[in-house]
Protein backbone atom coordinates (compact mmCIF):
# COMPACT_ATOMS: atom_id res chain seq x y z
CA UNK A 1 -4.81 -10.61 16.76
CA UNK A 2 -3.36 -9.55 13.50
CA UNK A 3 -1.90 -6.04 13.43
CA UNK A 4 -0.79 -4.00 10.43
CA UNK A 5 1.15 -0.74 10.83
CA UNK A 6 2.07 1.60 7.98
CA UNK A 7 4.98 3.96 7.95
CA UNK A 8 6.94 6.09 5.54
CA UNK A 9 4.34 8.59 4.48
CA UNK A 10 4.73 12.35 4.49
CA UNK A 11 5.08 15.39 2.23
CA UNK A 12 6.97 15.18 -1.07
CA UNK A 13 7.29 17.43 -4.10
CA UNK A 14 5.92 16.49 -7.49
CA UNK A 15 8.31 14.15 -9.23
CA UNK A 16 9.63 12.79 -6.01
CA UNK A 17 9.66 9.31 -4.57
CA UNK A 18 8.38 7.69 -1.41
CA UNK A 19 8.42 4.19 -0.01
CA UNK A 20 5.60 3.05 2.28
CA UNK A 21 6.08 0.07 4.64
CA UNK A 22 3.57 -2.10 6.33
CA UNK A 23 4.66 -4.36 9.15
CA UNK A 24 2.45 -7.27 10.19
CA UNK A 25 2.35 -9.03 13.50
CA UNK A 26 0.26 -11.77 15.12
CA UNK A 27 -0.95 -15.06 13.73
CA UNK A 28 -1.38 -14.80 9.98
CA UNK A 29 -2.14 -17.95 8.02
CA UNK A 30 -2.71 -18.78 4.37
CA UNK A 31 -2.49 -15.23 2.94
CA UNK A 32 -4.68 -15.05 -0.18
CA UNK A 33 -3.79 -11.51 -1.23
CA UNK A 34 -2.18 -8.32 0.06
CA UNK A 35 -1.88 -4.82 -1.28
CA UNK A 36 -2.48 -1.11 -0.91
CA UNK A 37 -5.52 1.04 -1.23
CA UNK A 38 -5.84 4.79 -1.11
CA UNK A 39 -8.49 7.47 -0.68
CA UNK A 40 -7.92 10.86 -2.20
CA UNK A 41 -9.83 13.89 -0.90
CA UNK A 42 -13.39 13.81 -2.27
CA UNK A 43 -12.92 10.51 -4.06
CA UNK A 44 -13.74 6.89 -3.42
CA UNK A 45 -11.29 4.48 -1.98
CA UNK A 46 -9.46 2.57 -4.73
CA UNK A 47 -7.04 -0.28 -5.16
CA UNK A 48 -3.58 0.99 -5.89
CA UNK A 49 -1.63 -2.25 -6.12
CA UNK A 50 -2.11 -5.82 -5.09
CA UNK A 51 -0.19 -9.10 -4.86
CA UNK A 52 -2.36 -12.16 -5.24
CA UNK A 53 -1.74 -15.81 -4.49
CA UNK A 54 0.63 -17.27 -6.99
CA UNK A 55 2.48 -13.96 -7.29
CA UNK A 56 0.10 -12.11 -9.62
CA UNK A 57 0.43 -8.33 -9.59
CA UNK A 58 -2.29 -5.78 -10.29
CA UNK A 59 -1.91 -1.98 -10.49
CA UNK A 60 -4.28 0.77 -11.00
CA UNK A 61 -3.95 2.37 -14.48
CA UNK A 62 -3.00 5.69 -12.95
CA UNK A 63 0.12 4.27 -11.30
CA UNK A 64 1.36 1.69 -13.79
CA UNK A 65 5.01 2.24 -14.53
CA UNK A 66 5.44 4.45 -11.42
CA UNK A 67 4.57 2.23 -8.47
CA UNK A 68 5.75 -1.17 -7.51
CA UNK A 69 4.85 -3.57 -4.68
CA UNK A 70 7.10 -6.01 -2.83
CA UNK A 71 7.44 -7.93 0.45
CA UNK A 72 10.03 -9.27 2.78
CA UNK A 73 8.71 -12.35 4.50
CA UNK A 74 11.53 -12.50 7.06
CA UNK A 75 10.72 -8.97 8.19
CA UNK A 76 6.91 -9.50 7.83
CA UNK A 77 6.90 -6.28 5.79
CA UNK A 78 5.20 -5.22 2.61
CA UNK A 79 6.38 -2.18 0.61
CA UNK A 80 4.88 0.21 -1.82
CA UNK A 81 7.56 2.07 -3.80
CA UNK A 82 6.10 5.23 -5.38
CA UNK A 83 8.07 7.14 -8.00
CA UNK A 84 7.29 10.22 -10.13
CA UNK A 85 4.70 11.27 -7.65
CA UNK A 86 2.03 13.71 -8.77
CA UNK A 87 -0.48 15.83 -6.76
CA UNK A 88 -3.29 13.41 -7.73
CA UNK A 89 -1.46 10.72 -5.70
CA UNK A 90 -2.27 12.63 -2.50
CA UNK A 91 -4.37 10.71 -0.13
CA UNK A 92 -4.54 8.29 2.75
CA UNK A 93 -2.87 4.98 1.99
CA UNK A 94 -3.93 1.68 3.61
CA UNK A 95 -2.13 -1.57 3.62
CA UNK A 96 -4.19 -4.76 3.90
CA UNK A 97 -4.31 -8.49 3.39
CA UNK A 98 -6.74 -11.32 3.11
CA UNK A 99 -6.07 -14.40 5.11
CA UNK A 100 -8.36 -17.31 6.04
CA UNK A 101 -11.27 -15.51 4.47
CA UNK A 102 -10.82 -12.40 6.66
CA UNK A 103 -9.76 -8.84 5.80
CA UNK A 104 -7.06 -7.06 7.84
CA UNK A 105 -6.24 -3.40 7.46
CA UNK A 106 -3.84 -0.87 8.84
CA UNK A 107 -5.01 2.51 10.14
CA UNK A 108 -3.77 4.34 7.09
CA UNK A 109 -1.06 6.91 6.50
CA UNK A 110 -1.10 10.26 4.80
CA UNK A 111 0.77 11.00 1.56
CA UNK A 112 0.82 14.52 0.35
CA UNK A 113 2.38 15.54 -3.04
CA UNK A 114 2.72 19.31 -3.19
CA UNK A 115 5.18 21.98 -4.02
């Protein structure tokens, strides 16, 4: 079975930075897309950043210029680098991917931006 595990969350002050990691394991074939979602308190789950087939990148308007997404195939790891964090970035962040027509998700990790 495919497993995705997030790490790197926690509490940071406004203006700070944080890097989230997502390590995959198991049999993963023909990845169509991968990325990060988040759900803020009282709000709907939203796409934060995604990496599509062919290398296309998509970012939510609210994080453009502050967040970036990358991956290390050798380590089977995907990263979300978050800079200039603001309180509205607080929420649970989920890594996920689409492979072979199926969705795979991690359990989520808390990010809190507060002074």
